[in-house]
Amino acid sequence: MYNTYMNDEKQSELTARLSVVWTQIIRGTGGNCAIDLKRMYGNAVNLSNECNKEWVECRRLRKITSKYLSLQKDLELALTNLEHYVTLASLMS
């Protein structure tokens, strides 16, 4: 079933989470932790870009593809892990 609104909302939520994590990395960490977290953030941004490209393909085809769902799950997992590591790094510093 093709539901544009729900997936647009999900994409917006994931993008907002990415921006929140970036501000937390910039403000709260320093040293070697920041380098590693920035690298993890870059990976999440790459996943987000791939997910956005696949979402355009889904809208073109008017159906949700399995590749899109897989990318979305991977992005959610990467963001969750990154949020946990940012919290841990801020507690350590």
PDB file of N, CA and C in Angstrom:
ATOM      1  N   MET A   1       0.837  -1.178   0.000  1.00  0.00           N
ATOM      2  CA  MET A   1       0.000   0.000   0.000  1.00  0.00           C
ATOM      3  C   MET A   1       0.881   1.240   0.000  1.00  0.00           C
ATOM      4  N   TYR A   2       0.542   2.182  -0.829  1.00  0.00           N
ATOM      5  CA  TYR A   2       1.329   3.399  -1.002  1.00  0.00           C
ATOM      6  C   TYR A   2       0.767   4.498  -0.124  1.00  0.00           C
ATOM      7  N   ASN A   3       1.507   4.892   0.897  1.00  0.00           N
ATOM      8  CA  ASN A   3       1.052   5.925   1.810  1.00  0.00           C
ATOM      9  C   ASN A   3       2.120   7.004   1.894  1.00  0.00           C
ATOM     10  N   THR A   4       1.960   8.038   1.093  1.00  0.00           N
ATOM     11  CA  THR A   4       2.959   9.090   0.998  1.00  0.00           C
ATOM     12  C   THR A   4       3.097   9.868   2.291  1.00  0.00           C
ATOM     13  N   TYR A   5       1.986  10.210   2.906  1.00  0.00           N
ATOM     14  CA  TYR A   5       2.024  11.071   4.080  1.00  0.00           C
ATOM     15  C   TYR A   5       2.826  10.463   5.223  1.00  0.00           C
ATOM     16  N   MET A   6       2.582   9.193   5.523  1.00  0.00           N
ATOM     17  CA  MET A   6       3.266   8.559   6.655  1.00  0.00           C
ATOM     18  C   MET A   6       4.764   8.473   6.416  1.00  0.00           C
ATOM     19  N   ASN A   7       5.178   8.163   5.195  1.00  0.00           N
ATOM     20  CA  ASN A   7       6.599   8.038   4.928  1.00  0.00           C
ATOM     21  C   ASN A   7       7.281   9.394   4.827  1.00  0.00           C
ATOM     22  N   ASP A   8       6.582  10.417   4.329  1.00  0.00           N
ATOM     23  CA  ASP A   8       7.139  11.767   4.352  1.00  0.00           C
ATOM     24  C   ASP A   8       7.353  12.224   5.789  1.00  0.00           C
ATOM     25  N   GLU A   9       6.403  11.892   6.650  1.00  0.00           N
ATOM     26  CA  GLU A   9       6.516  12.233   8.062  1.00  0.00           C
ATOM     27  C   GLU A   9       7.703  11.507   8.699  1.00  0.00           C
ATOM     28  N   LYS A  10       7.890  10.248   8.360  1.00  0.00           N
ATOM     29  CA  LYS A  10       9.007   9.454   8.890  1.00  0.00           C
ATOM     30  C   LYS A  10      10.335  10.032   8.419  1.00  0.00           C
ATOM     31  N   GLN A  11      10.409  10.418   7.135  1.00  0.00           N
ATOM     32  CA  GLN A  11      11.633  11.024   6.612  1.00  0.00           C
ATOM     33  C   GLN A  11      11.944  12.322   7.350  1.00  0.00           C
ATOM     34  N   SER A  12      10.922  13.118   7.620  1.00  0.00           N
ATOM     35  CA  SER A  12      11.122  14.377   8.338  1.00  0.00           C
ATOM     36  C   SER A  12      11.625  14.118   9.755  1.00  0.00           C
ATOM     37  N   GLU A  13      11.075  13.091  10.397  1.00  0.00           N
ATOM     38  CA  GLU A  13      11.508  12.744  11.753  1.00  0.00           C
ATOM     39  C   GLU A  13      12.969  12.320  11.760  1.00  0.00           C
ATOM     40  N   LEU A  14      13.361  11.493  10.809  1.00  0.00           N
ATOM     41  CA  LEU A  14      14.747  11.023  10.754  1.00  0.00           C
ATOM     42  C   LEU A  14      15.702  12.177  10.464  1.00  0.00           C
ATOM     43  N   THR A  15      15.307  13.088   9.595  1.00  0.00           N
ATOM     44  CA  THR A  15      16.143  14.248   9.290  1.00  0.00           C
ATOM     45  C   THR A  15      16.290  15.148  10.515  1.00  0.00           C
ATOM     46  N   ALA A  16      15.206  15.325  11.255  1.00  0.00           N
ATOM     47  CA  ALA A  16      15.267  16.132  12.474  1.00  0.00           C
ATOM     48  C   ALA A  16      16.180  15.483  13.505  1.00  0.00           C
ATOM     49  N   ARG A  17      16.100  14.171  13.635  1.00  0.00           N
ATOM     50  CA  ARG A  17      16.982  13.462  14.573  1.00  0.00           C
ATOM     51  C   ARG A  17      18.443  13.638  14.180  1.00  0.00           C
ATOM     52  N   LEU A  18      18.728  13.628  12.872  1.00  0.00           N
ATOM     53  CA  LEU A  18      20.100  13.832  12.399  1.00  0.00           C
ATOM     54  C   LEU A  18      20.612  15.210  12.807  1.00  0.00           C
ATOM     55  N   SER A  19      19.796  16.229  12.639  1.00  0.00           N
ATOM     56  CA  SER A  19      20.251  17.576  12.982  1.00  0.00           C
ATOM     57  C   SER A  19      20.451  17.735  14.486  1.00  0.00           C
ATOM     58  N   VAL A  20      19.594  17.100  15.292  1.00  0.00           N
ATOM     59  CA  VAL A  20      19.748  17.158  16.748  1.00  0.00           C
ATOM     60  C   VAL A  20      21.046  16.472  17.163  1.00  0.00           C
ATOM     61  N   VAL A  21      21.326  15.328  16.578  1.00  0.00           N
ATOM     62  CA  VAL A  21      22.561  14.606  16.911  1.00  0.00           C
ATOM     63  C   VAL A  21      23.778  15.438  16.532  1.00  0.00           C
ATOM     64  N   TRP A  22      23.723  16.118  15.393  1.00  0.00           N
ATOM     65  CA  TRP A  22      24.866  16.933  14.965  1.00  0.00           C
ATOM     66  C   TRP A  22      25.140  18.047  15.974  1.00  0.00           C
ATOM     67  N   THR A  23      24.095  18.729  16.430  1.00  0.00           N
ATOM     68  CA  THR A  23      24.318  19.796  17.411  1.00  0.00           C
ATOM     69  C   THR A  23      24.856  19.233  18.724  1.00  0.00           C
ATOM     70  N   GLN A  24      24.422  18.037  19.104  1.00  0.00           N
ATOM     71  CA  GLN A  24      24.940  17.423  20.326  1.00  0.00           C
ATOM     72  C   GLN A  24      26.411  17.066  20.164  1.00  0.00           C
ATOM     73  N   ILE A  25      26.797  16.598  18.994  1.00  0.00           N
ATOM     74  CA  ILE A  25      28.209  16.248  18.756  1.00  0.00           C
ATOM     75  C   ILE A  25      29.067  17.500  18.825  1.00  0.00           C
ATOM     76  N   ILE A  26      28.624  18.568  18.187  1.00  0.00           N
ATOM     77  CA  ILE A  26      29.409  19.803  18.140  1.00  0.00           C
ATOM     78  C   ILE A  26      29.539  20.424  19.532  1.00  0.00           C
ATOM     79  N   ARG A  27      28.463  20.439  20.287  1.00  0.00           N
ATOM     80  CA  ARG A  27      28.470  21.115  21.586  1.00  0.00           C
ATOM     81  C   ARG A  27      29.076  20.296  22.713  1.00  0.00           C
ATOM     82  N   GLY A  28      28.839  18.990  22.702  1.00  0.00           N
ATOM     83  CA  GLY A  28      29.114  18.243  23.916  1.00  0.00           C
ATOM     84  C   GLY A  28      30.344  17.372  23.954  1.00  0.00           C
ATOM     85  N   THR A  29      31.041  17.188  22.865  1.00  0.00           N
ATOM     86  CA  THR A  29      32.157  16.245  22.897  1.00  0.00           C
ATOM     87  C   THR A  29      33.432  16.919  22.427  1.00  0.00           C
ATOM     88  N   GLY A  30      34.520  16.342  22.804  1.00  0.00           N
ATOM     89  CA  GLY A  30      35.809  16.851  22.381  1.00  0.00           C
ATOM     90  C   GLY A  30      36.805  15.715  22.242  1.00  0.00           C
ATOM     91  N   GLY A  31      37.915  16.012  21.630  1.00  0.00           N
ATOM     92  CA  GLY A  31      38.985  15.032  21.518  1.00  0.00           C
ATOM     93  C   GLY A  31      38.683  13.909  20.549  1.00  0.00           C
ATOM     94  N   ASN A  32      39.161  12.720  20.920  1.00  0.00           N
ATOM     95  CA  ASN A  32      39.020  11.559  20.038  1.00  0.00           C
ATOM     96  C   ASN A  32      37.576  11.108  19.875  1.00  0.00           C
ATOM     97  N   CYS A  33      36.766  11.318  20.894  1.00  0.00           N
ATOM     98  CA  CYS A  33      35.355  10.934  20.794  1.00  0.00           C
ATOM     99  C   CYS A  33      34.672  11.692  19.675  1.00  0.00           C
ATOM    100  N   ALA A  34      34.979  12.976  19.550  1.00  0.00           N
ATOM    101  CA  ALA A  34      34.335  13.801  18.528  1.00  0.00           C
ATOM    102  C   ALA A  34      34.685  13.314  17.126  1.00  0.00           C
ATOM    103  N   ILE A  35      35.907  12.897  16.930  1.00  0.00           N
ATOM    104  CA  ILE A  35      36.325  12.405  15.611  1.00  0.00           C
ATOM    105  C   ILE A  35      35.545  11.153  15.248  1.00  0.00           C
ATOM    106  N   ASP A  36      35.442  10.234  16.188  1.00  0.00           N
ATOM    107  CA  ASP A  36      34.703   8.997  15.927  1.00  0.00           C
ATOM    108  C   ASP A  36      33.220   9.264  15.718  1.00  0.00           C
ATOM    109  N   LEU A  37      32.652  10.154  16.523  1.00  0.00           N
ATOM    110  CA  LEU A  37      31.234  10.464  16.390  1.00  0.00           C
ATOM    111  C   LEU A  37      30.939  11.170  15.075  1.00  0.00           C
ATOM    112  N   LYS A  38      31.848  12.030  14.628  1.00  0.00           N
ATOM    113  CA  LYS A  38      31.661  12.692  13.336  1.00  0.00           C
ATOM    114  C   LYS A  38      31.714  11.688  12.196  1.00  0.00           C
ATOM    115  N   ARG A  39      32.568  10.697  12.343  1.00  0.00           N
ATOM    116  CA  ARG A  39      32.640   9.641  11.326  1.00  0.00           C
ATOM    117  C   ARG A  39      31.334   8.835  11.291  1.00  0.00           C
ATOM    118  N   MET A  40      30.816   8.515  12.468  1.00  0.00           N
ATOM    119  CA  MET A  40      29.535   7.801  12.543  1.00  0.00           C
ATOM    120  C   MET A  40      28.401   8.664  11.989  1.00  0.00           C
ATOM    121  N   TYR A  41      28.451   9.952  12.274  1.00  0.00           N
ATOM    122  CA  TYR A  41      27.444  10.873  11.750  1.00  0.00           C
ATOM    123  C   TYR A  41      27.494  10.914  10.220  1.00  0.00           C
ATOM    124  N   GLY A  42      28.701  10.944   9.673  1.00  0.00           N
ATOM    125  CA  GLY A  42      28.851  10.936   8.217  1.00  0.00           C
ATOM    126  C   GLY A  42      28.233   9.695   7.596  1.00  0.00           C
ATOM    127  N   ASN A  43      28.394   8.557   8.241  1.00  0.00           N
ATOM    128  CA  ASN A  43      27.789   7.320   7.770  1.00  0.00           C
ATOM    129  C   ASN A  43      26.261   7.427   7.796  1.00  0.00           C
ATOM    130  N   ALA A  44      25.718   8.017   8.869  1.00  0.00           N
ATOM    131  CA  ALA A  44      24.265   8.188   8.965  1.00  0.00           C
ATOM    132  C   ALA A  44      23.754   9.144   7.895  1.00  0.00           C
ATOM    133  N   VAL A  45      24.515  10.179   7.597  1.00  0.00           N
ATOM    134  CA  VAL A  45      24.122  11.120   6.542  1.00  0.00           C
ATOM    135  C   VAL A  45      24.113  10.421   5.188  1.00  0.00           C
ATOM    136  N   ASN A  46      25.115   9.586   4.941  1.00  0.00           N
ATOM    137  CA  ASN A  46      25.143   8.833   3.679  1.00  0.00           C
ATOM    138  C   ASN A  46      23.933   7.912   3.566  1.00  0.00           C
ATOM    139  N   LEU A  47      23.576   7.252   4.656  1.00  0.00           N
ATOM    140  CA  LEU A  47      22.379   6.409   4.655  1.00  0.00           C
ATOM    141  C   LEU A  47      21.124   7.237   4.400  1.00  0.00           C
ATOM    142  N   SER A  48      21.068   8.421   4.999  1.00  0.00           N
ATOM    143  CA  SER A  48      19.919   9.299   4.798  1.00  0.00           C
ATOM    144  C   SER A  48      19.807   9.726   3.335  1.00  0.00           C
ATOM    145  N   ASN A  49      20.939  10.046   2.725  1.00  0.00           N
ATOM    146  CA  ASN A  49      20.925  10.428   1.311  1.00  0.00           C
ATOM    147  C   ASN A  49      20.446   9.279   0.423  1.00  0.00           C
ATOM    148  N   GLU A  50      20.931   8.086   0.700  1.00  0.00           N
ATOM    149  CA  GLU A  50      20.484   6.917  -0.065  1.00  0.00           C
ATOM    150  C   GLU A  50      18.993   6.670   0.131  1.00  0.00           C
ATOM    151  N   CYS A  51      18.538   6.842   1.356  1.00  0.00           N
ATOM    152  CA  CYS A  51      17.127   6.648   1.670  1.00  0.00           C
ATOM    153  C   CYS A  51      16.268   7.674   0.918  1.00  0.00           C
ATOM    154  N   ASN A  52      16.734   8.925   0.872  1.00  0.00           N
ATOM    155  CA  ASN A  52      16.000   9.965   0.150  1.00  0.00           C
ATOM    156  C   ASN A  52      15.947   9.675  -1.345  1.00  0.00           C
ATOM    157  N   LYS A  53      17.049   9.197  -1.902  1.00  0.00           N
ATOM    158  CA  LYS A  53      17.060   8.842  -3.325  1.00  0.00           C
ATOM    159  C   LYS A  53      16.082   7.707  -3.616  1.00  0.00           C
ATOM    160  N   GLU A  54      16.068   6.731  -2.730  1.00  0.00           N
ATOM    161  CA  GLU A  54      15.151   5.601  -2.932  1.00  0.00           C
ATOM    162  C   GLU A  54      13.702   6.042  -2.726  1.00  0.00           C
ATOM    163  N   TRP A  55      13.477   7.017  -1.849  1.00  0.00           N
ATOM    164  CA  TRP A  55      12.123   7.520  -1.639  1.00  0.00           C
ATOM    165  C   TRP A  55      11.595   8.203  -2.900  1.00  0.00           C
ATOM    166  N   VAL A  56      12.475   8.896  -3.609  1.00  0.00           N
ATOM    167  CA  VAL A  56      12.085   9.499  -4.889  1.00  0.00           C
ATOM    168  C   VAL A  56      11.681   8.403  -5.864  1.00  0.00           C
ATOM    169  N   GLU A  57      12.427   7.322  -5.871  1.00  0.00           N
ATOM    170  CA  GLU A  57      12.093   6.188  -6.733  1.00  0.00           C
ATOM    171  C   GLU A  57      10.739   5.576  -6.339  1.00  0.00           C
ATOM    172  N   CYS A  58      10.485   5.492  -5.049  1.00  0.00           N
ATOM    173  CA  CYS A  58       9.202   4.962  -4.579  1.00  0.00           C
ATOM    174  C   CYS A  58       8.040   5.832  -5.044  1.00  0.00           C
ATOM    175  N   ARG A  59       8.220   7.137  -4.945  1.00  0.00           N
ATOM    176  CA  ARG A  59       7.156   8.029  -5.408  1.00  0.00           C
ATOM    177  C   ARG A  59       6.948   7.899  -6.911  1.00  0.00           C
ATOM    178  N   ARG A  60       8.039   7.704  -7.646  1.00  0.00           N
ATOM    179  CA  ARG A  60       7.927   7.535  -9.096  1.00  0.00           C
ATOM    180  C   ARG A  60       7.167   6.260  -9.444  1.00  0.00           C
ATOM    181  N   LEU A  61       7.466   5.183  -8.719  1.00  0.00           N
ATOM    182  CA  LEU A  61       6.816   3.896  -8.965  1.00  0.00           C
ATOM    183  C   LEU A  61       5.446   3.792  -8.303  1.00  0.00           C
ATOM    184  N   ARG A  62       5.156   4.702  -7.378  1.00  0.00           N
ATOM    185  CA  ARG A  62       3.913   4.702  -6.597  1.00  0.00           C
ATOM    186  C   ARG A  62       3.737   3.451  -5.749  1.00  0.00           C
ATOM    187  N   LYS A  63       4.858   2.976  -5.224  1.00  0.00           N
ATOM    188  CA  LYS A  63       4.822   1.874  -4.266  1.00  0.00           C
ATOM    189  C   LYS A  63       6.099   1.921  -3.434  1.00  0.00           C
ATOM    190  N   ILE A  64       6.000   1.370  -2.245  1.00  0.00           N
ATOM    191  CA  ILE A  64       7.152   1.321  -1.345  1.00  0.00           C
ATOM    192  C   ILE A  64       7.995   0.103  -1.723  1.00  0.00           C
ATOM    193  N   THR A  65       9.276   0.335  -1.973  1.00  0.00           N
ATOM    194  CA  THR A  65      10.147  -0.771  -2.362  1.00  0.00           C
ATOM    195  C   THR A  65      10.786  -1.396  -1.119  1.00  0.00           C
ATOM    196  N   SER A  66      11.203  -2.618  -1.276  1.00  0.00           N
ATOM    197  CA  SER A  66      11.866  -3.301  -0.157  1.00  0.00           C
ATOM    198  C   SER A  66      13.222  -2.662   0.139  1.00  0.00           C
ATOM    199  N   LYS A  67      13.875  -2.132  -0.886  1.00  0.00           N
ATOM    200  CA  LYS A  67      15.153  -1.459  -0.674  1.00  0.00           C
ATOM    201  C   LYS A  67      14.965  -0.225   0.205  1.00  0.00           C
ATOM    202  N   TYR A  68      13.895   0.510  -0.030  1.00  0.00           N
ATOM    203  CA  TYR A  68      13.607   1.688   0.786  1.00  0.00           C
ATOM    204  C   TYR A  68      13.373   1.301   2.237  1.00  0.00           C
ATOM    205  N   LEU A  69      12.578   0.271   2.456  1.00  0.00           N
ATOM    206  CA  LEU A  69      12.302  -0.171   3.823  1.00  0.00           C
ATOM    207  C   LEU A  69      13.579  -0.620   4.520  1.00  0.00           C
ATOM    208  N   SER A  70      14.435  -1.308   3.788  1.00  0.00           N
ATOM    209  CA  SER A  70      15.705  -1.764   4.351  1.00  0.00           C
ATOM    210  C   SER A  70      16.605  -0.577   4.707  1.00  0.00           C
ATOM    211  N   LEU A  71      16.696   0.401   3.790  1.00  0.00           N
ATOM    212  CA  LEU A  71      17.507   1.587   4.069  1.00  0.00           C
ATOM    213  C   LEU A  71      16.961   2.367   5.254  1.00  0.00           C
ATOM    214  N   GLN A  72      15.653   2.444   5.350  1.00  0.00           N
ATOM    215  CA  GLN A  72      15.034   3.168   6.452  1.00  0.00           C
ATOM    216  C   GLN A  72      15.329   2.483   7.793  1.00  0.00           C
ATOM    217  N   LYS A  73      15.264   1.160   7.814  1.00  0.00           N
ATOM    218  CA  LYS A  73      15.598   0.429   9.045  1.00  0.00           C
ATOM    219  C   LYS A  73      17.060   0.635   9.420  1.00  0.00           C
ATOM    220  N   ASP A  74      17.942   0.569   8.424  1.00  0.00           N
ATOM    221  CA  ASP A  74      19.365   0.774   8.678  1.00  0.00           C
ATOM    222  C   ASP A  74      19.634   2.172   9.223  1.00  0.00           C
ATOM    223  N   LEU A  75      18.945   3.162   8.655  1.00  0.00           N
ATOM    224  CA  LEU A  75      19.125   4.532   9.121  1.00  0.00           C
ATOM    225  C   LEU A  75      18.621   4.700  10.546  1.00  0.00           C
ATOM    226  N   GLU A  76      17.489   4.125  10.859  1.00  0.00           N
ATOM    227  CA  GLU A  76      16.967   4.203  12.223  1.00  0.00           C
ATOM    228  C   GLU A  76      17.925   3.561  13.212  1.00  0.00           C
ATOM    229  N   LEU A  77      18.474   2.410  12.854  1.00  0.00           N
ATOM    230  CA  LEU A  77      19.433   1.732  13.728  1.00  0.00           C
ATOM    231  C   LEU A  77      20.700   2.563  13.898  1.00  0.00           C
ATOM    232  N   ALA A  78      21.201   3.126  12.796  1.00  0.00           N
ATOM    233  CA  ALA A  78      22.407   3.952  12.876  1.00  0.00           C
ATOM    234  C   ALA A  78      22.170   5.175  13.753  1.00  0.00           C
ATOM    235  N   LEU A  79      21.010   5.798  13.620  1.00  0.00           N
ATOM    236  CA  LEU A  79      20.703   6.964  14.448  1.00  0.00           C
ATOM    237  C   LEU A  79      20.553   6.605  15.914  1.00  0.00           C
ATOM    238  N   THR A  80      19.906   5.505  16.180  1.00  0.00           N
ATOM    239  CA  THR A  80      19.746   5.073  17.572  1.00  0.00           C
ATOM    240  C   THR A  80      21.109   4.807  18.204  1.00  0.00           C
ATOM    241  N   ASN A  81      21.963   4.083  17.498  1.00  0.00           N
ATOM    242  CA  ASN A  81      23.314   3.812  18.010  1.00  0.00           C
ATOM    243  C   ASN A  81      24.100   5.100  18.199  1.00  0.00           C
ATOM    244  N   LEU A  82      24.000   6.005  17.233  1.00  0.00           N
ATOM    245  CA  LEU A  82      24.726   7.269  17.330  1.00  0.00           C
ATOM    246  C   LEU A  82      24.237   8.089  18.521  1.00  0.00           C
ATOM    247  N   GLU A  83      22.937   8.105  18.742  1.00  0.00           N
ATOM    248  CA  GLU A  83      22.397   8.832  19.890  1.00  0.00           C
ATOM    249  C   GLU A  83      22.907   8.237  21.205  1.00  0.00           C
ATOM    250  N   HIS A  84      22.994   6.938  21.261  1.00  0.00           N
ATOM    251  CA  HIS A  84      23.519   6.288  22.480  1.00  0.00           C
ATOM    252  C   HIS A  84      24.989   6.652  22.696  1.00  0.00           C
ATOM    253  N   TYR A  85      25.768   6.613  21.627  1.00  0.00           N
ATOM    254  CA  TYR A  85      27.199   6.942  21.755  1.00  0.00           C
ATOM    255  C   TYR A  85      27.413   8.405  22.104  1.00  0.00           C
ATOM    256  N   VAL A  86      26.578   9.305  21.568  1.00  0.00           N
ATOM    257  CA  VAL A  86      26.699  10.718  21.915  1.00  0.00           C
ATOM    258  C   VAL A  86      26.404  10.917  23.397  1.00  0.00           C
ATOM    259  N   THR A  87      25.395  10.239  23.899  1.00  0.00           N
ATOM    260  CA  THR A  87      25.067  10.327  25.325  1.00  0.00           C
ATOM    261  C   THR A  87      26.226   9.795  26.162  1.00  0.00           C
ATOM    262  N   LEU A  88      26.781   8.672  25.764  1.00  0.00           N
ATOM    263  CA  LEU A  88      27.904   8.094  26.494  1.00  0.00           C
ATOM    264  C   LEU A  88      29.110   9.017  26.477  1.00  0.00           C
ATOM    265  N   ALA A  89      29.394   9.606  25.311  1.00  0.00           N
ATOM    266  CA  ALA A  89      30.547  10.512  25.201  1.00  0.00           C
ATOM    267  C   ALA A  89      30.349  11.762  26.049  1.00  0.00           C
ATOM    268  N   SER A  90      29.121  12.258  26.115  1.00  0.00           N
ATOM    269  CA  SER A  90      28.891  13.460  26.931  1.00  0.00           C
ATOM    270  C   SER A  90      29.005  13.134  28.416  1.00  0.00           C
ATOM    271  N   LEU A  91      28.646  11.917  28.814  1.00  0.00           N
ATOM    272  CA  LEU A  91      28.811  11.524  30.206  1.00  0.00           C
ATOM    273  C   LEU A  91      30.275  11.324  30.572  1.00  0.00           C
ATOM    274  N   MET A  92      31.072  10.882  29.613  1.00  0.00           N
ATOM    275  CA  MET A  92      32.488  10.634  29.870  1.00  0.00           C
ATOM    276  C   MET A  92      33.294  11.925  29.945  1.00  0.00           C
ATOM    277  N   SER A  93      32.840  12.974  29.274  1.00  0.00           N
ATOM    278  CA  SER A  93      33.644  14.203  29.261  1.00  0.00           C
ATOM    279  C   SER A  93      33.271  15.163  30.361  1.00  0.00           C
TER     280      SER A  93
END
